[in-house]
Structures are given as C-alpha cells and as structure tokens.
N, C-alpha and C. Protein backbone atom coordinates (compact mmCIF):
# COMPACT_ATOMS: atom_id res chain seq x y z
N MET A 1 -11.10 25.07 7.63
CA MET A 1 -10.05 24.30 8.16
C MET A 1 -8.95 24.07 7.07
N SER A 2 -7.75 24.46 7.35
CA SER A 2 -6.68 24.22 6.36
C SER A 2 -5.90 23.02 6.83
N LEU A 3 -5.50 22.22 5.91
CA LEU A 3 -4.65 21.00 6.09
C LEU A 3 -3.24 21.40 6.17
N THR A 4 -2.44 20.77 6.99
CA THR A 4 -1.02 20.90 7.02
C THR A 4 -0.36 19.99 5.98
N TYR A 5 0.87 20.31 5.70
CA TYR A 5 1.54 19.43 4.64
C TYR A 5 1.67 17.90 5.21
N ALA A 6 1.86 17.81 6.52
CA ALA A 6 1.89 16.44 7.03
C ALA A 6 0.62 15.74 6.92
N GLN A 7 -0.53 16.39 7.19
CA GLN A 7 -1.82 15.87 7.00
C GLN A 7 -2.13 15.49 5.53
N MET A 8 -1.71 16.34 4.60
CA MET A 8 -1.82 16.04 3.23
C MET A 8 -1.03 14.88 2.80
N ALA A 9 0.20 14.81 3.21
CA ALA A 9 1.06 13.60 2.95
C ALA A 9 0.52 12.39 3.44
N VAL A 10 0.01 12.34 4.73
CA VAL A 10 -0.57 11.13 5.29
C VAL A 10 -1.86 10.77 4.54
N GLY A 11 -2.70 11.69 4.23
CA GLY A 11 -3.88 11.49 3.44
C GLY A 11 -3.67 10.87 2.11
N LEU A 12 -2.63 11.42 1.46
CA LEU A 12 -2.35 10.86 0.07
C LEU A 12 -1.81 9.44 0.17
N ILE A 13 -1.06 9.20 1.16
CA ILE A 13 -0.53 7.71 1.29
C ILE A 13 -1.70 6.82 1.62
N GLY A 14 -2.62 7.41 2.48
CA GLY A 14 -3.90 6.61 2.80
C GLY A 14 -4.70 6.33 1.53
N LEU A 15 -4.76 7.35 0.63
CA LEU A 15 -5.53 7.21 -0.62
C LEU A 15 -4.79 6.09 -1.55
N LEU A 16 -3.54 6.15 -1.53
CA LEU A 16 -2.63 5.23 -2.32
C LEU A 16 -2.94 3.81 -1.81
N HIS A 17 -2.98 3.64 -0.56
CA HIS A 17 -3.34 2.29 0.00
C HIS A 17 -4.76 1.91 -0.40
N LEU A 18 -5.66 2.76 -0.45
CA LEU A 18 -7.03 2.47 -0.90
C LEU A 18 -7.03 2.01 -2.39
N VAL A 19 -6.27 2.68 -3.19
CA VAL A 19 -6.20 2.22 -4.59
C VAL A 19 -5.51 0.84 -4.65
N PHE A 20 -4.50 0.55 -3.83
CA PHE A 20 -3.94 -0.77 -3.87
C PHE A 20 -4.95 -1.77 -3.44
N MET A 21 -5.79 -1.42 -2.39
CA MET A 21 -6.76 -2.35 -1.79
C MET A 21 -7.77 -2.70 -2.93
N ILE A 22 -8.19 -1.73 -3.64
CA ILE A 22 -9.21 -1.93 -4.75
C ILE A 22 -8.63 -2.90 -5.84
N GLY A 23 -7.32 -2.53 -6.18
CA GLY A 23 -6.67 -3.37 -7.20
C GLY A 23 -6.43 -4.80 -6.84
N GLU A 24 -6.26 -5.03 -5.48
CA GLU A 24 -5.95 -6.32 -4.96
C GLU A 24 -7.28 -7.03 -4.64
N LEU A 25 -8.43 -6.44 -4.57
CA LEU A 25 -9.67 -7.10 -4.28
C LEU A 25 -10.65 -7.25 -5.51
N LEU A 26 -10.45 -6.39 -6.52
CA LEU A 26 -11.39 -6.37 -7.54
C LEU A 26 -10.73 -6.56 -8.92
N PRO A 27 -11.34 -7.17 -9.89
CA PRO A 27 -12.47 -8.04 -9.73
C PRO A 27 -12.13 -9.29 -8.89
N TRP A 28 -13.08 -9.83 -8.19
CA TRP A 28 -12.86 -10.84 -7.22
C TRP A 28 -12.04 -12.08 -7.74
N ASN A 29 -12.55 -12.66 -8.87
CA ASN A 29 -11.85 -13.86 -9.35
C ASN A 29 -10.45 -13.63 -9.91
N ALA A 30 -10.10 -12.48 -10.34
CA ALA A 30 -8.86 -12.17 -10.94
C ALA A 30 -8.48 -10.69 -10.69
N PRO A 31 -8.00 -10.41 -9.54
CA PRO A 31 -7.79 -8.95 -9.13
C PRO A 31 -6.82 -8.32 -10.18
N LYS A 32 -7.05 -7.10 -10.35
CA LYS A 32 -6.24 -6.23 -11.38
C LYS A 32 -4.79 -6.39 -11.07
N ILE A 33 -4.28 -6.20 -9.81
CA ILE A 33 -2.97 -6.32 -9.46
C ILE A 33 -2.35 -7.69 -9.85
N MET A 34 -3.16 -8.75 -9.54
CA MET A 34 -2.71 -10.13 -9.91
C MET A 34 -2.48 -10.22 -11.37
N LYS A 35 -3.36 -9.66 -12.16
CA LYS A 35 -3.20 -9.76 -13.62
C LYS A 35 -1.88 -9.00 -14.08
N VAL A 36 -1.65 -7.86 -13.49
CA VAL A 36 -0.51 -7.12 -13.86
C VAL A 36 0.81 -7.87 -13.47
N VAL A 37 0.92 -8.36 -12.32
CA VAL A 37 2.07 -9.11 -11.95
C VAL A 37 2.29 -10.38 -12.69
N LEU A 38 1.16 -11.14 -12.85
CA LEU A 38 1.29 -12.41 -13.62
C LEU A 38 1.60 -12.16 -15.03
N GLY A 39 1.16 -11.06 -15.59
CA GLY A 39 1.51 -10.67 -16.92
C GLY A 39 2.96 -10.40 -17.22
N LYS A 40 3.72 -10.13 -16.12
CA LYS A 40 5.14 -9.92 -16.35
C LYS A 40 5.94 -11.26 -16.58
N TRP A 41 5.29 -12.39 -16.24
CA TRP A 41 5.88 -13.68 -16.36
C TRP A 41 5.07 -14.66 -17.14
N PRO A 42 4.63 -14.27 -18.39
CA PRO A 42 3.61 -15.10 -19.09
C PRO A 42 4.20 -16.50 -19.46
N GLY A 43 5.43 -16.60 -19.90
CA GLY A 43 5.98 -17.91 -20.29
C GLY A 43 6.38 -18.74 -19.05
N GLN A 44 6.66 -18.14 -17.99
CA GLN A 44 7.11 -18.88 -16.73
C GLN A 44 6.01 -19.46 -15.90
N LEU A 45 4.91 -18.84 -15.97
CA LEU A 45 3.77 -19.23 -15.05
C LEU A 45 2.60 -19.77 -15.79
N ALA A 46 2.53 -21.06 -15.88
CA ALA A 46 1.33 -21.70 -16.51
C ALA A 46 0.47 -22.16 -15.30
N LEU A 47 -0.39 -21.27 -14.77
CA LEU A 47 -1.12 -21.68 -13.52
C LEU A 47 -2.42 -22.33 -13.92
N SER A 48 -2.79 -23.36 -13.13
CA SER A 48 -4.04 -24.06 -13.31
C SER A 48 -5.09 -23.22 -12.70
N GLU A 49 -6.30 -23.55 -12.91
CA GLU A 49 -7.45 -22.75 -12.27
C GLU A 49 -7.32 -22.74 -10.73
N ASN A 50 -6.94 -23.95 -10.21
CA ASN A 50 -6.85 -23.96 -8.73
C ASN A 50 -5.64 -23.08 -8.28
N ASP A 51 -4.58 -23.03 -8.99
CA ASP A 51 -3.49 -22.20 -8.68
C ASP A 51 -3.89 -20.77 -8.77
N ARG A 52 -4.57 -20.37 -9.79
CA ARG A 52 -5.04 -19.02 -9.91
C ARG A 52 -5.96 -18.60 -8.77
N HIS A 53 -6.80 -19.57 -8.34
CA HIS A 53 -7.64 -19.30 -7.18
C HIS A 53 -6.85 -19.02 -5.89
N LEU A 54 -5.81 -19.84 -5.71
CA LEU A 54 -4.90 -19.71 -4.56
C LEU A 54 -4.18 -18.33 -4.55
N VAL A 55 -3.65 -17.98 -5.76
CA VAL A 55 -2.91 -16.63 -5.98
C VAL A 55 -3.88 -15.57 -5.70
N ALA A 56 -5.15 -15.64 -6.19
CA ALA A 56 -6.17 -14.61 -5.97
C ALA A 56 -6.44 -14.36 -4.52
N THR A 57 -6.50 -15.49 -3.76
CA THR A 57 -6.73 -15.41 -2.32
C THR A 57 -5.56 -14.78 -1.57
N ILE A 58 -4.35 -15.04 -2.03
CA ILE A 58 -3.26 -14.37 -1.38
C ILE A 58 -3.22 -12.86 -1.73
N VAL A 59 -3.47 -12.51 -3.00
CA VAL A 59 -3.64 -11.11 -3.33
C VAL A 59 -4.77 -10.41 -2.61
N HIS A 60 -5.85 -11.09 -2.38
CA HIS A 60 -6.92 -10.55 -1.58
C HIS A 60 -6.42 -10.27 -0.17
N ASN A 61 -5.67 -11.14 0.41
CA ASN A 61 -5.14 -10.91 1.72
C ASN A 61 -4.29 -9.58 1.81
N ALA A 62 -3.49 -9.31 0.74
CA ALA A 62 -2.82 -8.12 0.63
C ALA A 62 -3.70 -6.89 0.55
N GLY A 63 -4.85 -7.06 -0.14
CA GLY A 63 -5.79 -5.98 -0.26
C GLY A 63 -6.37 -5.67 1.08
N VAL A 64 -6.66 -6.72 1.92
CA VAL A 64 -7.18 -6.42 3.26
C VAL A 64 -6.13 -5.66 4.02
N TYR A 65 -4.87 -6.10 3.94
CA TYR A 65 -3.74 -5.37 4.67
C TYR A 65 -3.76 -3.94 4.20
N ASN A 66 -3.81 -3.63 2.89
CA ASN A 66 -3.81 -2.24 2.44
C ASN A 66 -4.98 -1.44 2.91
N GLY A 67 -6.16 -2.09 3.03
CA GLY A 67 -7.34 -1.42 3.58
C GLY A 67 -7.18 -1.03 5.05
N ILE A 68 -6.58 -1.98 5.76
CA ILE A 68 -6.25 -1.66 7.20
C ILE A 68 -5.28 -0.57 7.33
N VAL A 69 -4.19 -0.56 6.49
CA VAL A 69 -3.25 0.53 6.60
C VAL A 69 -3.93 1.87 6.28
N ALA A 70 -4.75 1.84 5.25
CA ALA A 70 -5.47 3.16 4.84
C ALA A 70 -6.31 3.58 6.01
N ALA A 71 -7.11 2.68 6.59
CA ALA A 71 -7.95 3.03 7.72
C ALA A 71 -7.13 3.60 8.84
N GLY A 72 -5.98 2.92 9.18
CA GLY A 72 -5.13 3.36 10.16
C GLY A 72 -4.60 4.86 9.99
N LEU A 73 -4.17 5.05 8.75
CA LEU A 73 -3.62 6.35 8.40
C LEU A 73 -4.76 7.43 8.50
N PHE A 74 -5.96 7.19 7.99
CA PHE A 74 -7.07 8.07 8.11
C PHE A 74 -7.43 8.27 9.55
N ALA A 75 -7.42 7.24 10.43
CA ALA A 75 -7.65 7.37 11.77
C ALA A 75 -6.72 8.32 12.47
N THR A 76 -5.44 8.29 12.06
CA THR A 76 -4.41 9.15 12.65
C THR A 76 -4.75 10.61 12.35
N LEU A 77 -5.28 10.87 11.16
CA LEU A 77 -5.69 12.19 10.85
C LEU A 77 -6.83 12.72 11.74
N TRP A 78 -7.72 11.82 12.05
CA TRP A 78 -8.87 12.18 12.92
C TRP A 78 -8.41 12.42 14.36
N VAL A 79 -7.48 11.60 14.87
CA VAL A 79 -7.01 11.78 16.26
C VAL A 79 -6.07 13.04 16.39
N GLY A 80 -5.23 13.27 15.35
CA GLY A 80 -4.41 14.43 15.39
C GLY A 80 -3.06 14.22 15.89
N PRO A 81 -2.33 15.18 16.44
CA PRO A 81 -0.90 15.02 16.82
C PRO A 81 -0.69 13.90 17.78
N ALA A 82 -1.58 13.47 18.56
CA ALA A 82 -1.40 12.46 19.50
C ALA A 82 -1.02 11.13 18.82
N ALA A 83 -1.41 11.04 17.49
CA ALA A 83 -1.23 9.76 16.82
C ALA A 83 0.11 9.81 15.88
N TYR A 84 0.97 10.71 16.31
CA TYR A 84 2.24 10.89 15.54
C TYR A 84 3.02 9.45 15.38
N VAL A 85 3.14 8.86 16.53
CA VAL A 85 3.86 7.60 16.55
C VAL A 85 3.25 6.48 15.67
N VAL A 86 1.90 6.51 15.66
CA VAL A 86 1.23 5.58 14.81
C VAL A 86 1.47 5.94 13.31
N GLN A 87 1.36 7.16 13.03
CA GLN A 87 1.61 7.63 11.62
C GLN A 87 3.07 7.20 11.17
N VAL A 88 4.10 7.38 12.05
CA VAL A 88 5.49 7.07 11.66
C VAL A 88 5.56 5.54 11.49
N THR A 89 4.89 4.77 12.34
CA THR A 89 4.97 3.37 12.24
C THR A 89 4.30 2.83 10.97
N LEU A 90 3.07 3.27 10.67
CA LEU A 90 2.42 2.89 9.43
C LEU A 90 3.24 3.32 8.20
N LEU A 91 3.69 4.54 8.13
CA LEU A 91 4.44 4.96 6.97
C LEU A 91 5.70 4.14 6.89
N ALA A 92 6.41 3.89 7.97
CA ALA A 92 7.58 3.06 7.86
C ALA A 92 7.39 1.65 7.41
N GLY A 93 6.24 1.13 7.89
CA GLY A 93 5.82 -0.31 7.37
C GLY A 93 5.56 -0.21 5.98
N GLY A 94 4.86 0.82 5.36
CA GLY A 94 4.62 0.89 4.03
C GLY A 94 5.97 1.03 3.16
N ILE A 95 6.93 1.75 3.74
CA ILE A 95 8.20 1.79 2.99
C ILE A 95 8.89 0.45 2.92
N VAL A 96 8.85 -0.32 4.04
CA VAL A 96 9.39 -1.66 4.03
C VAL A 96 8.67 -2.55 3.09
N ALA A 97 7.31 -2.46 3.04
CA ALA A 97 6.61 -3.28 2.10
C ALA A 97 6.93 -2.89 0.67
N GLY A 98 7.08 -1.62 0.38
CA GLY A 98 7.44 -1.14 -0.93
C GLY A 98 8.79 -1.65 -1.41
N LEU A 99 9.78 -1.64 -0.51
CA LEU A 99 11.09 -2.09 -0.82
C LEU A 99 11.08 -3.64 -1.07
N PHE A 100 10.28 -4.37 -0.21
CA PHE A 100 10.24 -5.81 -0.37
C PHE A 100 9.51 -6.16 -1.69
N GLY A 101 8.50 -5.40 -2.00
CA GLY A 101 7.78 -5.61 -3.25
C GLY A 101 8.69 -5.43 -4.47
N ALA A 102 9.48 -4.33 -4.36
CA ALA A 102 10.46 -4.02 -5.46
C ALA A 102 11.51 -5.15 -5.53
N ALA A 103 11.94 -5.78 -4.45
CA ALA A 103 12.85 -6.81 -4.58
C ALA A 103 12.24 -8.16 -5.04
N THR A 104 11.02 -8.32 -4.79
CA THR A 104 10.37 -9.66 -4.99
C THR A 104 9.24 -9.69 -6.15
N LEU A 105 8.62 -8.56 -6.35
CA LEU A 105 7.48 -8.62 -7.42
C LEU A 105 7.75 -7.74 -8.59
N SER A 106 7.86 -6.46 -8.37
CA SER A 106 8.00 -5.51 -9.49
C SER A 106 8.83 -4.35 -9.00
N LYS A 107 9.80 -3.97 -9.83
CA LYS A 107 10.63 -2.85 -9.48
C LYS A 107 9.88 -1.52 -9.46
N ALA A 108 8.71 -1.43 -10.04
CA ALA A 108 7.82 -0.30 -9.87
C ALA A 108 7.39 -0.04 -8.51
N THR A 109 7.39 -1.06 -7.61
CA THR A 109 6.93 -0.84 -6.26
C THR A 109 7.80 0.05 -5.44
N ILE A 110 9.00 0.34 -5.96
CA ILE A 110 9.97 1.25 -5.37
C ILE A 110 9.31 2.64 -5.27
N LEU A 111 8.42 2.95 -6.29
CA LEU A 111 7.73 4.20 -6.15
C LEU A 111 6.90 4.35 -4.98
N GLN A 112 6.25 3.22 -4.52
CA GLN A 112 5.44 3.20 -3.34
C GLN A 112 6.35 3.57 -2.12
N ALA A 113 7.56 2.88 -2.08
CA ALA A 113 8.46 3.10 -1.00
C ALA A 113 8.88 4.60 -0.97
N ALA A 114 9.21 5.20 -2.20
CA ALA A 114 9.64 6.58 -2.24
C ALA A 114 8.50 7.55 -1.81
N ALA A 115 7.24 7.22 -2.19
CA ALA A 115 6.19 8.14 -1.76
C ALA A 115 6.02 8.03 -0.28
N GLY A 116 6.12 6.79 0.29
CA GLY A 116 6.04 6.69 1.83
C GLY A 116 7.12 7.43 2.46
N ALA A 117 8.39 7.31 1.87
CA ALA A 117 9.53 7.92 2.48
C ALA A 117 9.38 9.51 2.49
N ILE A 118 8.89 9.98 1.43
CA ILE A 118 8.59 11.45 1.32
C ILE A 118 7.58 11.82 2.37
N ALA A 119 6.46 11.12 2.45
CA ALA A 119 5.50 11.36 3.41
C ALA A 119 6.02 11.23 4.82
N LEU A 120 6.83 10.20 5.12
CA LEU A 120 7.42 10.06 6.46
C LEU A 120 8.39 11.26 6.77
N GLY A 121 9.15 11.72 5.75
CA GLY A 121 9.94 12.89 6.01
C GLY A 121 9.19 14.18 6.33
N VAL A 122 8.09 14.31 5.57
CA VAL A 122 7.22 15.52 5.88
C VAL A 122 6.66 15.45 7.30
N VAL A 123 6.25 14.29 7.75
CA VAL A 123 5.54 14.06 8.98
C VAL A 123 6.57 14.35 10.13
N ILE A 124 7.86 13.78 9.97
CA ILE A 124 8.82 13.94 10.98
C ILE A 124 9.28 15.41 11.04
N PHE A 125 9.47 16.07 9.92
CA PHE A 125 9.93 17.40 9.75
C PHE A 125 8.85 18.29 10.46
N ALA A 126 7.55 18.04 10.26
CA ALA A 126 6.48 18.85 10.83
C ALA A 126 6.41 18.71 12.33
N GLN A 127 6.86 17.51 12.83
CA GLN A 127 6.87 17.27 14.28
C GLN A 127 7.93 18.05 14.99
N ALA A 128 9.09 18.18 14.29
CA ALA A 128 10.27 18.79 14.96
C ALA A 128 10.09 20.25 15.32
C-alpha cells in the first residue's frame, strides 16, 4: 500500500499534534510546553505554587485538545476520501490555533500554522 501526498501530509500533522499533546501533558506537574513558554517571561511572571498548578491545568486542557485533533486526523486517514471535509476542517482549525498562538504566546507557533497550511494545500490540491 502506497500513501498519497495528502495522506502523508495529514499523517505528519497528526504526529505533530501528538508531539504537542505529549509536551502539554508531561511531566504532569510542570508540562514541558509550560516550562518553555513561562521561561520566555522569567522576570514578569512570579507565579505561586497555586498559580503554577492552575497554569498546568490550562496547558493540560490544550494537550487534550491536541490529542483529539490528532485522533481526528488519524481517523480521517482510516475513513479515506469520504472524510475530506473533516480533514479540511481540522487542518484549518490547526492553522487558526497556530496563528493565535503566534499572536499571543510565541512567534514560533507560526511554524505550526505554516505546516498546517502546507498540509491543507496538499489535501485540497489532491482533491481537485
């Protein structure tokens, strides 16, 4: 069985969301992504232990979101061409999330949006 470029693009974005999920969930008390983002504002954010717990909980929520997106993308690969609209929706949502993250958290999240946009372009081109 050979994979199409569209399937590879969707699979790679699904894997990217799995990586985000792991970074947002582990280690549980201080997720890796939380440490990276908080490290960008060391002088501005003197968080108490309760505040760190709250921030970790919010980051965990994002991790669950990313796991759901990954599962959805992988499910579209299983379903095949009938899931085209779902693929477009999930990829477009990831692009919006990447742009929002670039505007609010870290400019580096623009890379997530760019990867999603490339994958979306491949999927749309393959459907045409």
